[in-house]
N, C-alpha and C. Protein backbone atom coordinates (compact mmCIF):
# COMPACT_ATOMS: atom_id res chain seq x y z
N MET A 1 36.33 54.92 20.65
CA MET A 1 35.54 54.86 19.44
C MET A 1 34.10 55.50 19.72
N ARG A 2 33.75 56.26 18.77
CA ARG A 2 32.37 56.87 18.93
C ARG A 2 31.23 55.79 18.77
N VAL A 3 30.16 55.97 19.20
CA VAL A 3 28.98 55.15 19.21
C VAL A 3 28.64 54.87 17.68
N GLU A 4 28.63 56.06 16.94
CA GLU A 4 28.17 56.10 15.58
C GLU A 4 29.08 55.20 14.77
N SER A 5 30.42 55.19 15.07
CA SER A 5 31.31 54.40 14.30
C SER A 5 31.26 52.99 14.58
N LYS A 6 31.01 52.71 15.92
CA LYS A 6 30.66 51.21 16.23
C LYS A 6 29.37 50.65 15.46
N PHE A 7 28.45 51.51 15.39
CA PHE A 7 27.21 51.18 14.68
C PHE A 7 27.51 50.95 13.25
N ASN A 8 28.27 51.81 12.65
CA ASN A 8 28.56 51.62 11.23
C ASN A 8 29.51 50.33 11.00
N ILE A 9 30.35 50.18 11.64
CA ILE A 9 31.30 48.90 11.62
C ILE A 9 30.51 47.66 11.76
N ARG A 10 29.62 47.56 12.76
CA ARG A 10 28.79 46.44 12.91
C ARG A 10 27.83 46.14 11.74
N LYS A 11 27.21 47.34 11.34
CA LYS A 11 26.33 47.26 10.28
C LYS A 11 27.06 46.84 8.86
N GLU A 12 28.24 47.21 8.61
CA GLU A 12 29.09 46.73 7.61
C GLU A 12 29.32 45.33 7.79
N GLU A 13 29.77 44.97 8.84
CA GLU A 13 30.14 43.37 9.13
C GLU A 13 28.74 42.68 8.75
N MET A 14 27.66 43.07 9.23
CA MET A 14 26.43 42.47 9.02
C MET A 14 26.14 42.41 7.49
N PHE A 15 26.42 43.38 6.90
CA PHE A 15 26.18 43.52 5.46
C PHE A 15 26.95 42.54 4.56
N HIS A 16 28.25 42.36 5.07
CA HIS A 16 28.96 41.21 4.39
C HIS A 16 28.40 39.96 4.63
N GLN A 17 27.94 39.69 5.79
CA GLN A 17 27.44 38.27 5.98
C GLN A 17 26.07 38.11 5.27
N ILE A 18 25.40 39.25 5.21
CA ILE A 18 24.08 39.09 4.51
C ILE A 18 24.40 38.90 3.06
N THR A 19 25.31 39.67 2.43
CA THR A 19 25.68 39.53 1.12
C THR A 19 26.03 37.99 0.78
N GLU A 20 26.73 37.41 1.67
CA GLU A 20 27.19 36.13 1.40
C GLU A 20 25.94 35.07 1.34
N LEU A 21 24.93 35.43 2.25
CA LEU A 21 23.70 34.65 2.34
C LEU A 21 22.85 34.89 1.13
N ILE A 22 22.83 36.07 0.63
CA ILE A 22 22.15 36.27 -0.53
C ILE A 22 22.68 35.63 -1.83
N THR A 23 23.96 35.54 -1.94
CA THR A 23 24.76 34.81 -2.94
C THR A 23 24.43 33.30 -2.75
N LYS A 24 24.28 32.82 -1.57
CA LYS A 24 24.11 31.37 -1.29
C LYS A 24 22.70 30.98 -1.69
N TYR A 25 21.72 31.79 -1.07
CA TYR A 25 20.39 31.49 -1.32
C TYR A 25 19.41 32.16 -2.15
N GLY A 26 19.89 33.40 -2.57
CA GLY A 26 19.07 34.26 -3.50
C GLY A 26 18.19 35.16 -2.72
N TYR A 27 18.18 36.48 -3.07
CA TYR A 27 17.35 37.38 -2.49
C TYR A 27 16.00 37.13 -2.30
N GLU A 28 15.50 36.67 -3.32
CA GLU A 28 13.89 36.23 -3.33
C GLU A 28 13.67 35.14 -2.17
N LYS A 29 14.57 34.37 -1.93
CA LYS A 29 14.29 33.23 -1.00
C LYS A 29 14.50 33.42 0.36
N ILE A 30 15.23 34.47 0.64
CA ILE A 30 15.66 34.68 2.09
C ILE A 30 14.58 35.44 2.80
N THR A 31 14.58 35.16 4.09
CA THR A 31 13.67 35.98 4.90
C THR A 31 14.50 36.56 6.09
N ILE A 32 13.84 37.48 6.71
CA ILE A 32 14.60 38.18 7.79
C ILE A 32 14.86 37.13 9.02
N ARG A 33 13.82 36.30 9.26
CA ARG A 33 13.98 35.28 10.22
C ARG A 33 15.02 34.29 10.01
N GLY A 34 15.24 33.81 8.60
CA GLY A 34 16.13 32.91 8.07
C GLY A 34 17.55 33.51 8.14
N LEU A 35 17.72 34.83 7.75
CA LEU A 35 19.03 35.58 7.79
C LEU A 35 19.46 35.54 9.27
N CYS A 36 18.57 35.97 10.16
CA CYS A 36 18.89 36.00 11.60
C CYS A 36 19.51 34.78 12.20
N LYS A 37 18.73 33.62 11.68
CA LYS A 37 19.12 32.34 12.25
C LYS A 37 20.52 31.96 11.68
N GLU A 38 20.74 32.15 10.49
CA GLU A 38 21.96 31.82 9.86
C GLU A 38 23.03 32.73 10.36
N MET A 39 22.84 33.84 10.81
CA MET A 39 23.82 34.86 11.39
C MET A 39 24.04 34.72 12.93
N GLY A 40 23.14 34.06 13.48
CA GLY A 40 23.14 33.84 15.03
C GLY A 40 22.83 35.12 15.60
N ILE A 41 21.87 35.92 15.03
CA ILE A 41 21.53 37.16 15.76
C ILE A 41 19.92 37.06 15.93
N SER A 42 19.51 38.02 16.94
CA SER A 42 17.98 38.01 17.04
C SER A 42 17.39 38.99 15.96
N THR A 43 16.11 38.88 15.76
CA THR A 43 15.38 39.77 14.79
C THR A 43 15.50 41.21 15.26
N GLY A 44 15.59 41.38 16.49
CA GLY A 44 15.62 42.77 17.12
C GLY A 44 17.06 43.36 16.70
N THR A 45 18.06 42.50 16.69
CA THR A 45 19.40 43.08 16.28
C THR A 45 19.26 43.50 14.75
N PHE A 46 18.77 42.64 13.88
CA PHE A 46 18.53 42.90 12.56
C PHE A 46 17.85 44.36 12.35
N TYR A 47 16.72 44.42 13.06
CA TYR A 47 15.96 45.65 12.97
C TYR A 47 16.55 46.96 13.57
N HIS A 48 17.67 46.53 14.48
CA HIS A 48 18.33 47.88 14.99
C HIS A 48 19.15 48.40 13.82
N TYR A 49 19.69 47.56 12.88
CA TYR A 49 20.61 48.09 11.73
C TYR A 49 19.80 48.30 10.49
N PHE A 50 18.76 47.56 10.20
CA PHE A 50 18.06 47.63 8.97
C PHE A 50 16.63 47.83 9.23
N ARG A 51 15.82 48.65 8.41
CA ARG A 51 14.43 48.79 8.57
C ARG A 51 13.59 47.52 8.08
N ASP A 52 14.06 46.91 7.06
CA ASP A 52 13.38 45.81 6.52
C ASP A 52 14.22 45.12 5.43
N LYS A 53 13.62 44.08 4.64
CA LYS A 53 14.36 43.37 3.83
C LYS A 53 14.80 44.48 2.62
N GLY A 54 13.75 45.32 2.24
CA GLY A 54 14.08 46.27 1.30
C GLY A 54 15.34 47.19 1.55
N ASP A 55 15.68 47.21 2.68
CA ASP A 55 16.77 48.15 3.17
C ASP A 55 18.10 47.42 2.75
N LEU A 56 18.02 46.04 2.59
CA LEU A 56 19.25 45.38 2.11
C LEU A 56 19.54 45.78 0.66
N LEU A 57 18.40 46.09 -0.27
CA LEU A 57 18.82 46.58 -1.58
C LEU A 57 19.49 47.83 -1.53
N GLU A 58 18.92 48.76 -0.70
CA GLU A 58 19.57 50.05 -0.40
C GLU A 58 21.11 49.99 -0.11
N VAL A 59 21.39 49.08 0.77
CA VAL A 59 22.79 48.89 1.04
C VAL A 59 23.63 48.43 -0.03
N LEU A 60 22.99 47.49 -0.88
CA LEU A 60 23.82 46.98 -2.01
C LEU A 60 24.03 48.10 -3.05
N PHE A 61 23.11 48.88 -3.24
CA PHE A 61 23.28 50.01 -4.21
C PHE A 61 24.40 50.95 -3.66
N SER A 62 24.32 51.27 -2.30
CA SER A 62 25.27 52.30 -1.70
C SER A 62 26.61 51.74 -1.80
N ASP A 63 26.69 50.39 -1.71
CA ASP A 63 28.00 49.63 -1.80
C ASP A 63 28.61 49.96 -3.18
N ILE A 64 27.83 49.75 -4.25
CA ILE A 64 28.48 49.95 -5.67
C ILE A 64 28.87 51.38 -5.74
N ASP A 65 28.07 52.34 -5.29
CA ASP A 65 28.40 53.72 -5.42
C ASP A 65 29.77 53.87 -4.72
N GLN A 66 29.81 53.52 -3.51
CA GLN A 66 31.11 53.73 -2.71
C GLN A 66 32.26 52.96 -3.46
N TYR A 67 32.10 51.97 -4.05
CA TYR A 67 33.16 51.20 -4.85
C TYR A 67 33.75 52.05 -5.96
N PHE A 68 32.74 52.65 -6.72
CA PHE A 68 33.07 53.48 -7.80
C PHE A 68 33.69 54.77 -7.46
N ALA A 69 33.09 55.52 -6.44
CA ALA A 69 33.66 56.68 -6.04
C ALA A 69 35.01 56.62 -5.30
N GLU A 70 35.25 55.58 -4.50
CA GLU A 70 36.47 55.42 -3.68
C GLU A 70 37.51 54.48 -4.24
N VAL A 71 37.04 53.43 -4.83
CA VAL A 71 38.05 52.51 -5.23
C VAL A 71 38.47 52.61 -6.65
N VAL A 72 37.43 52.53 -7.44
CA VAL A 72 37.80 52.72 -8.93
C VAL A 72 38.40 54.11 -9.48
N ALA A 73 37.65 55.19 -9.04
CA ALA A 73 38.11 56.47 -9.48
C ALA A 73 39.70 56.73 -8.96
N GLU A 74 39.97 55.99 -7.86
CA GLU A 74 41.33 56.47 -7.32
C GLU A 74 42.46 55.73 -8.20
N LYS A 75 42.06 54.90 -9.24
CA LYS A 75 43.09 54.09 -10.02
C LYS A 75 43.08 54.73 -11.42
N PHE A 76 42.44 55.84 -11.72
CA PHE A 76 42.35 56.46 -13.01
C PHE A 76 43.61 57.03 -13.37
N THR A 77 43.88 57.08 -14.70
CA THR A 77 45.09 57.80 -15.28
C THR A 77 44.76 59.00 -15.93
N GLU A 78 45.54 59.57 -16.69
CA GLU A 78 45.24 60.78 -17.60
C GLU A 78 44.70 60.41 -18.72
N SER A 79 44.56 59.20 -19.22
CA SER A 79 43.96 58.73 -20.30
C SER A 79 42.41 58.42 -20.04
N GLU A 80 41.55 59.21 -20.51
CA GLU A 80 40.17 59.00 -20.28
C GLU A 80 39.60 57.75 -21.07
N PRO A 81 40.19 57.56 -22.32
CA PRO A 81 39.54 56.40 -23.07
C PRO A 81 40.15 55.17 -22.35
N ASP A 82 41.29 54.98 -21.70
CA ASP A 82 41.74 53.95 -20.82
C ASP A 82 40.85 53.85 -19.53
N ASN A 83 40.56 55.01 -19.08
CA ASN A 83 39.64 54.94 -17.81
C ASN A 83 38.32 54.35 -18.10
N LEU A 84 37.77 54.70 -19.25
CA LEU A 84 36.46 54.25 -19.53
C LEU A 84 36.43 52.69 -19.63
N VAL A 85 37.46 52.15 -20.21
CA VAL A 85 37.52 50.61 -20.27
C VAL A 85 37.82 50.06 -18.88
N TYR A 86 38.66 50.77 -18.12
CA TYR A 86 38.88 50.27 -16.71
C TYR A 86 37.61 50.35 -15.87
N TYR A 87 36.80 51.42 -16.13
CA TYR A 87 35.50 51.51 -15.45
C TYR A 87 34.64 50.41 -15.73
N LEU A 88 34.52 49.93 -16.98
CA LEU A 88 33.67 48.90 -17.33
C LEU A 88 34.14 47.43 -16.88
N VAL A 89 35.55 47.32 -16.92
CA VAL A 89 36.20 46.09 -16.36
C VAL A 89 35.94 45.96 -14.76
N SER A 90 36.02 47.20 -14.34
CA SER A 90 35.73 47.20 -12.73
C SER A 90 34.24 46.91 -12.32
N TYR A 91 33.34 47.27 -13.19
CA TYR A 91 31.94 46.95 -13.01
C TYR A 91 31.89 45.38 -13.08
N GLY A 92 32.46 44.69 -14.10
CA GLY A 92 32.55 43.34 -14.21
C GLY A 92 33.05 42.72 -12.98
N HIS A 93 34.23 43.24 -12.39
CA HIS A 93 34.75 42.63 -11.27
C HIS A 93 33.83 42.75 -10.02
N TYR A 94 33.20 43.87 -9.89
CA TYR A 94 32.24 44.03 -8.83
C TYR A 94 31.15 43.01 -8.96
N ILE A 95 30.62 42.84 -10.06
CA ILE A 95 29.49 41.90 -10.39
C ILE A 95 29.88 40.42 -9.85
N VAL A 96 31.13 39.96 -10.30
CA VAL A 96 31.61 38.76 -10.09
C VAL A 96 31.80 38.57 -8.51
N ARG A 97 32.47 39.57 -7.87
CA ARG A 97 32.78 39.57 -6.47
C ARG A 97 31.47 39.35 -5.69
N ASN A 98 30.38 39.94 -6.18
CA ASN A 98 29.12 39.82 -5.35
C ASN A 98 28.21 38.67 -5.75
N GLY A 99 28.50 38.08 -6.90
CA GLY A 99 27.82 36.82 -7.23
C GLY A 99 26.64 37.00 -8.07
N VAL A 100 26.09 35.86 -8.62
CA VAL A 100 24.94 35.74 -9.39
C VAL A 100 23.67 36.24 -8.67
N GLU A 101 23.48 35.69 -7.38
CA GLU A 101 22.31 35.89 -6.78
C GLU A 101 22.23 37.42 -6.31
N THR A 102 23.32 38.03 -5.90
CA THR A 102 23.39 39.52 -5.61
C THR A 102 22.97 40.30 -6.86
N CYS A 103 23.58 39.99 -7.94
CA CYS A 103 23.32 40.57 -9.25
C CYS A 103 21.77 40.41 -9.52
N ARG A 104 21.20 39.39 -9.36
CA ARG A 104 19.67 39.13 -9.51
C ARG A 104 18.93 40.15 -8.67
N ALA A 105 19.36 40.06 -7.43
CA ALA A 105 18.66 40.90 -6.53
C ALA A 105 18.64 42.39 -6.88
N ILE A 106 19.80 42.86 -7.32
CA ILE A 106 19.87 44.27 -7.88
C ILE A 106 19.02 44.45 -9.01
N SER A 107 19.06 43.47 -9.85
CA SER A 107 18.26 43.55 -11.18
C SER A 107 16.81 43.57 -10.97
N ILE A 108 16.22 42.79 -9.98
CA ILE A 108 14.76 42.72 -9.69
C ILE A 108 14.31 43.70 -8.70
N GLY A 109 15.34 44.36 -8.05
CA GLY A 109 14.84 45.33 -6.97
C GLY A 109 13.98 46.42 -7.55
N PRO A 110 13.13 47.08 -6.59
CA PRO A 110 12.36 48.17 -7.09
C PRO A 110 13.04 49.29 -7.58
N LEU A 111 12.62 50.07 -8.55
CA LEU A 111 13.16 51.11 -9.21
C LEU A 111 13.49 52.25 -8.09
N GLU A 112 12.38 52.38 -7.20
CA GLU A 112 12.41 53.51 -6.24
C GLU A 112 11.86 52.92 -4.99
N THR A 113 12.45 53.30 -3.84
CA THR A 113 11.88 53.02 -2.55
C THR A 113 12.38 54.14 -1.61
N ARG A 114 11.41 54.58 -0.72
CA ARG A 114 11.56 55.47 0.34
C ARG A 114 12.21 56.69 -0.38
N GLY A 115 11.78 57.07 -1.67
CA GLY A 115 12.08 58.30 -2.31
C GLY A 115 13.47 58.28 -2.83
N LYS A 116 14.22 57.11 -2.82
CA LYS A 116 15.50 56.93 -3.46
C LYS A 116 15.30 56.20 -4.78
N GLU A 117 15.79 56.75 -5.88
CA GLU A 117 15.87 56.14 -7.17
C GLU A 117 17.00 55.40 -7.41
N TYR A 118 17.00 54.08 -7.41
CA TYR A 118 18.12 53.24 -7.49
C TYR A 118 18.84 53.37 -8.95
N PHE A 119 18.03 53.67 -9.88
CA PHE A 119 18.67 53.96 -11.38
C PHE A 119 18.77 55.34 -11.65
N SER A 120 18.91 56.12 -10.75
CA SER A 120 19.08 57.58 -10.96
C SER A 120 20.51 57.82 -11.51
N GLU A 121 20.65 58.79 -12.44
CA GLU A 121 21.90 59.15 -13.06
C GLU A 121 22.69 60.31 -12.08
N ASN A 122 22.02 60.30 -10.79
CA ASN A 122 22.70 61.23 -9.87
C ASN A 122 23.57 60.50 -8.91
N ARG A 123 23.53 59.08 -8.97
CA ARG A 123 24.24 58.34 -8.10
C ARG A 123 25.75 58.25 -8.58
N SER A 124 26.71 57.89 -7.64
CA SER A 124 28.19 57.86 -7.91
C SER A 124 28.65 56.99 -9.03
N ILE A 125 27.90 55.90 -9.26
CA ILE A 125 28.21 55.09 -10.40
C ILE A 125 28.12 55.74 -11.75
N ALA A 126 26.93 56.57 -11.77
CA ALA A 126 26.71 57.38 -12.98
C ALA A 126 27.58 58.52 -13.13
N GLU A 127 27.84 59.23 -11.94
CA GLU A 127 28.66 60.48 -11.87
C GLU A 127 30.09 60.14 -12.38
N THR A 128 30.63 59.03 -11.81
CA THR A 128 31.94 58.70 -12.05
C THR A 128 32.22 58.36 -13.67
N LEU A 129 31.22 57.74 -14.22
CA LEU A 129 31.23 57.65 -15.72
C LEU A 129 31.06 59.04 -16.46
N ARG A 130 30.18 59.79 -16.06
CA ARG A 130 29.99 61.08 -16.65
C ARG A 130 31.33 61.97 -16.51
N LYS A 131 31.89 61.89 -15.44
CA LYS A 131 33.23 62.53 -15.30
C LYS A 131 34.27 62.11 -16.23
N ILE A 132 34.47 60.88 -16.40
CA ILE A 132 35.22 60.23 -17.47
C ILE A 132 35.11 60.97 -18.83
N LEU A 133 33.67 60.84 -19.27
CA LEU A 133 33.52 61.32 -20.53
C LEU A 133 33.61 62.94 -20.66
N THR A 134 33.24 63.65 -19.70
CA THR A 134 33.42 65.08 -19.79
C THR A 134 34.88 65.42 -19.61
N ARG A 135 35.79 64.88 -18.87
CA ARG A 135 37.15 65.06 -18.73
C ARG A 135 37.80 64.83 -20.18
N GLY A 136 37.21 63.68 -20.76
CA GLY A 136 37.90 63.11 -22.06
C GLY A 136 37.55 64.17 -23.09
N MET A 137 36.37 64.82 -23.10
CA MET A 137 36.12 65.89 -24.10
C MET A 137 36.94 67.12 -23.81
N GLU A 138 37.18 67.53 -22.64
CA GLU A 138 37.86 68.70 -22.13
C GLU A 138 39.37 68.58 -22.56
N LYS A 139 39.90 67.35 -22.44
CA LYS A 139 41.17 67.13 -22.80
C LYS A 139 41.36 66.87 -24.40
N GLY A 140 40.34 66.84 -25.10
CA GLY A 140 40.48 66.53 -26.49
C GLY A 140 40.66 65.05 -26.84
N GLN A 141 40.40 64.17 -25.85
CA GLN A 141 40.59 62.72 -26.14
C GLN A 141 39.37 62.13 -26.67
N PHE A 142 38.20 62.76 -26.29
CA PHE A 142 36.86 62.23 -26.99
C PHE A 142 36.52 63.30 -27.98
N CYS A 143 35.56 62.77 -28.88
CA CYS A 143 35.11 63.83 -29.83
C CYS A 143 34.38 64.94 -29.19
N ASP A 144 34.30 66.00 -29.76
CA ASP A 144 33.75 67.15 -29.24
C ASP A 144 32.12 67.18 -29.33
N SER A 145 31.70 66.26 -30.14
CA SER A 145 30.19 66.16 -30.34
C SER A 145 29.58 65.16 -29.32
N LEU A 146 30.26 64.70 -28.52
CA LEU A 146 29.97 63.72 -27.51
C LEU A 146 29.04 64.41 -26.49
N ASN A 147 27.85 63.89 -26.11
CA ASN A 147 27.09 64.41 -25.11
C ASN A 147 27.23 63.41 -23.75
N PRO A 148 28.05 63.99 -22.75
CA PRO A 148 28.26 63.13 -21.76
C PRO A 148 27.09 62.43 -20.99
N GLU A 149 26.01 63.27 -20.88
CA GLU A 149 24.82 62.85 -20.15
C GLU A 149 24.09 61.61 -20.84
N ASP A 150 23.93 61.89 -22.26
CA ASP A 150 23.23 60.79 -23.00
C ASP A 150 24.11 59.51 -23.18
N THR A 151 25.42 59.72 -23.24
CA THR A 151 26.50 58.64 -23.44
C THR A 151 26.43 57.92 -22.12
N THR A 152 26.40 58.61 -21.13
CA THR A 152 26.46 57.93 -19.64
C THR A 152 25.36 56.99 -19.55
N ARG A 153 24.10 57.58 -19.95
CA ARG A 153 22.75 56.81 -19.81
C ARG A 153 22.93 55.63 -20.67
N MET A 154 23.45 55.69 -21.97
CA MET A 154 23.48 54.47 -22.70
C MET A 154 24.39 53.58 -22.35
N LEU A 155 25.52 53.96 -21.84
CA LEU A 155 26.53 52.93 -21.28
C LEU A 155 26.04 52.20 -19.98
N LEU A 156 25.24 52.91 -19.18
CA LEU A 156 24.62 52.33 -17.95
C LEU A 156 23.79 51.39 -18.42
N VAL A 157 23.01 51.58 -19.32
CA VAL A 157 21.87 50.65 -19.80
C VAL A 157 22.58 49.42 -20.33
N MET A 158 23.67 49.57 -21.21
CA MET A 158 24.32 48.44 -21.52
C MET A 158 25.01 47.59 -20.52
N MET A 159 25.50 48.24 -19.52
CA MET A 159 26.20 47.61 -18.35
C MET A 159 25.26 46.79 -17.68
N ARG A 160 24.02 47.38 -17.29
CA ARG A 160 23.00 46.70 -16.75
C ARG A 160 22.44 45.48 -17.53
N GLY A 161 22.48 45.59 -18.76
CA GLY A 161 22.01 44.51 -19.74
C GLY A 161 23.02 43.45 -19.59
N TYR A 162 24.40 43.71 -19.58
CA TYR A 162 25.35 42.66 -19.42
C TYR A 162 25.27 41.87 -18.06
N SER A 163 25.08 42.66 -16.96
CA SER A 163 24.85 41.98 -15.63
C SER A 163 23.70 41.22 -15.63
N LEU A 164 22.62 41.74 -16.13
CA LEU A 164 21.19 40.87 -16.05
C LEU A 164 21.46 39.64 -16.87
N ASP A 165 22.05 39.83 -18.13
CA ASP A 165 22.24 38.50 -18.85
C ASP A 165 23.18 37.58 -18.12
N TRP A 166 24.22 38.07 -17.52
CA TRP A 166 25.27 37.24 -16.90
C TRP A 166 24.54 36.45 -15.69
N ALA A 167 23.63 37.07 -15.03
CA ALA A 167 22.90 36.54 -14.04
C ALA A 167 21.84 35.55 -14.49
N LYS A 168 21.29 35.92 -15.60
CA LYS A 168 20.26 35.11 -16.25
C LYS A 168 20.97 33.70 -16.71
N GLN A 169 22.20 33.76 -17.10
CA GLN A 169 22.93 32.62 -17.60
C GLN A 169 23.78 32.02 -16.51
N ASN A 170 23.47 32.29 -15.19
CA ASN A 170 23.99 31.76 -13.97
C ASN A 170 25.48 31.92 -14.03
N GLY A 171 26.05 33.16 -14.44
CA GLY A 171 27.41 33.44 -14.42
C GLY A 171 28.26 32.43 -15.19
N SER A 172 27.79 32.03 -16.39
CA SER A 172 28.45 30.92 -17.15
C SER A 172 29.41 31.47 -18.12
N TYR A 173 29.68 32.75 -18.09
CA TYR A 173 30.68 33.12 -18.91
C TYR A 173 31.52 34.31 -18.28
N ASP A 174 32.60 34.74 -18.78
CA ASP A 174 33.41 35.77 -18.17
C ASP A 174 32.99 37.24 -18.43
N ILE A 175 32.20 37.65 -17.48
CA ILE A 175 31.75 38.88 -17.70
C ILE A 175 32.77 40.09 -17.67
N VAL A 176 33.80 39.84 -16.98
CA VAL A 176 34.84 40.82 -16.96
C VAL A 176 35.49 40.95 -18.36
N GLN A 177 35.68 39.79 -19.04
CA GLN A 177 36.23 39.88 -20.35
C GLN A 177 35.43 40.38 -21.51
N GLU A 178 34.00 40.02 -21.27
CA GLU A 178 33.03 40.65 -22.06
C GLU A 178 32.87 42.20 -21.92
N LEU A 179 32.92 42.65 -20.71
CA LEU A 179 32.83 44.08 -20.49
C LEU A 179 34.14 44.84 -21.02
N GLU A 180 35.32 44.12 -20.89
CA GLU A 180 36.42 44.73 -21.48
C GLU A 180 36.42 44.84 -23.00
N LYS A 181 35.87 43.76 -23.74
CA LYS A 181 35.67 43.81 -25.06
C LYS A 181 34.69 44.94 -25.50
N PHE A 182 33.51 44.98 -24.78
CA PHE A 182 32.55 46.17 -24.95
C PHE A 182 33.24 47.41 -24.69
N GLY A 183 34.05 47.55 -23.76
CA GLY A 183 34.64 48.99 -23.54
C GLY A 183 35.61 49.29 -24.63
N LYS A 184 36.38 48.50 -25.25
CA LYS A 184 37.21 48.65 -26.34
C LYS A 184 36.43 49.02 -27.58
N PHE A 185 35.29 48.29 -27.68
CA PHE A 185 34.40 48.44 -28.88
C PHE A 185 33.69 49.98 -28.73
N VAL A 186 33.14 50.43 -27.73
CA VAL A 186 32.55 51.58 -27.57
C VAL A 186 33.53 52.77 -27.56
N ARG A 187 34.73 52.53 -27.05
CA ARG A 187 35.70 53.60 -26.91
C ARG A 187 36.13 54.22 -28.24
N GLU A 188 36.33 53.38 -29.41
CA GLU A 188 36.82 53.77 -30.56
C GLU A 188 35.91 54.76 -31.26
N PRO A 189 34.64 54.79 -31.32
CA PRO A 189 33.83 55.73 -31.88
C PRO A 189 33.86 57.12 -31.05
N LEU A 190 34.04 57.00 -29.86
CA LEU A 190 34.17 58.24 -29.06
C LEU A 190 35.40 58.93 -29.20
N LEU A 191 36.46 58.38 -29.72
CA LEU A 191 37.74 59.03 -29.67
C LEU A 191 37.74 60.28 -30.58
N ALA A 192 38.40 61.21 -30.17
CA ALA A 192 38.67 62.39 -30.95
C ALA A 192 39.61 61.99 -32.19
N PRO A 193 39.34 62.61 -33.36
CA PRO A 193 40.11 62.22 -34.53
C PRO A 193 41.64 62.24 -34.36
N THR A 194 42.16 63.10 -33.49
CA THR A 194 43.73 63.14 -33.32
C THR A 194 44.13 62.05 -32.39
N VAL A 195 43.26 61.53 -31.62
CA VAL A 195 43.66 60.49 -30.60
C VAL A 195 43.65 58.99 -31.28
N GLN A 196 42.95 58.94 -32.35
CA GLN A 196 42.77 57.72 -32.99
C GLN A 196 44.02 57.20 -33.64
């Protein structure tokens, strides 16, 4: 096994442990020293894999991009309206899987760090959604007046609003069900007249 792959595997393992600790204690309340103590590692080991606490947010954002690019997109069908609803439901499942505290950490994180814009429309989470809308227009499943870029931006804002509200409400409602309802609600006006 190459050294780089061992490094990435160990970093991924640590990320999962850290995510659990963020869920347990909250991003704001954890410290590097506290994480290391909980994980049974030295601070030197932590800094071998991560630059600082802010690096953990970068890992969280990379994780959701990977999830949409590799897991969600693999299950799309030929029906782009159905893919849109599935995309939103998958976002809900991702949020629930990572918990309220992780959702809060993502919501309060800096908009940009080290030159990376976390809310950029160039990330995989946005690109996957834009492709659904573009393919739907090309297939005649969505109305031809749809602007994929603007619609992507609007839907991402709404998704982030749902996740922020869910975290604010301490996960007290079924966000997957709410995002499914939202998906069906927004899908209808986007449909091409022949698809309705």
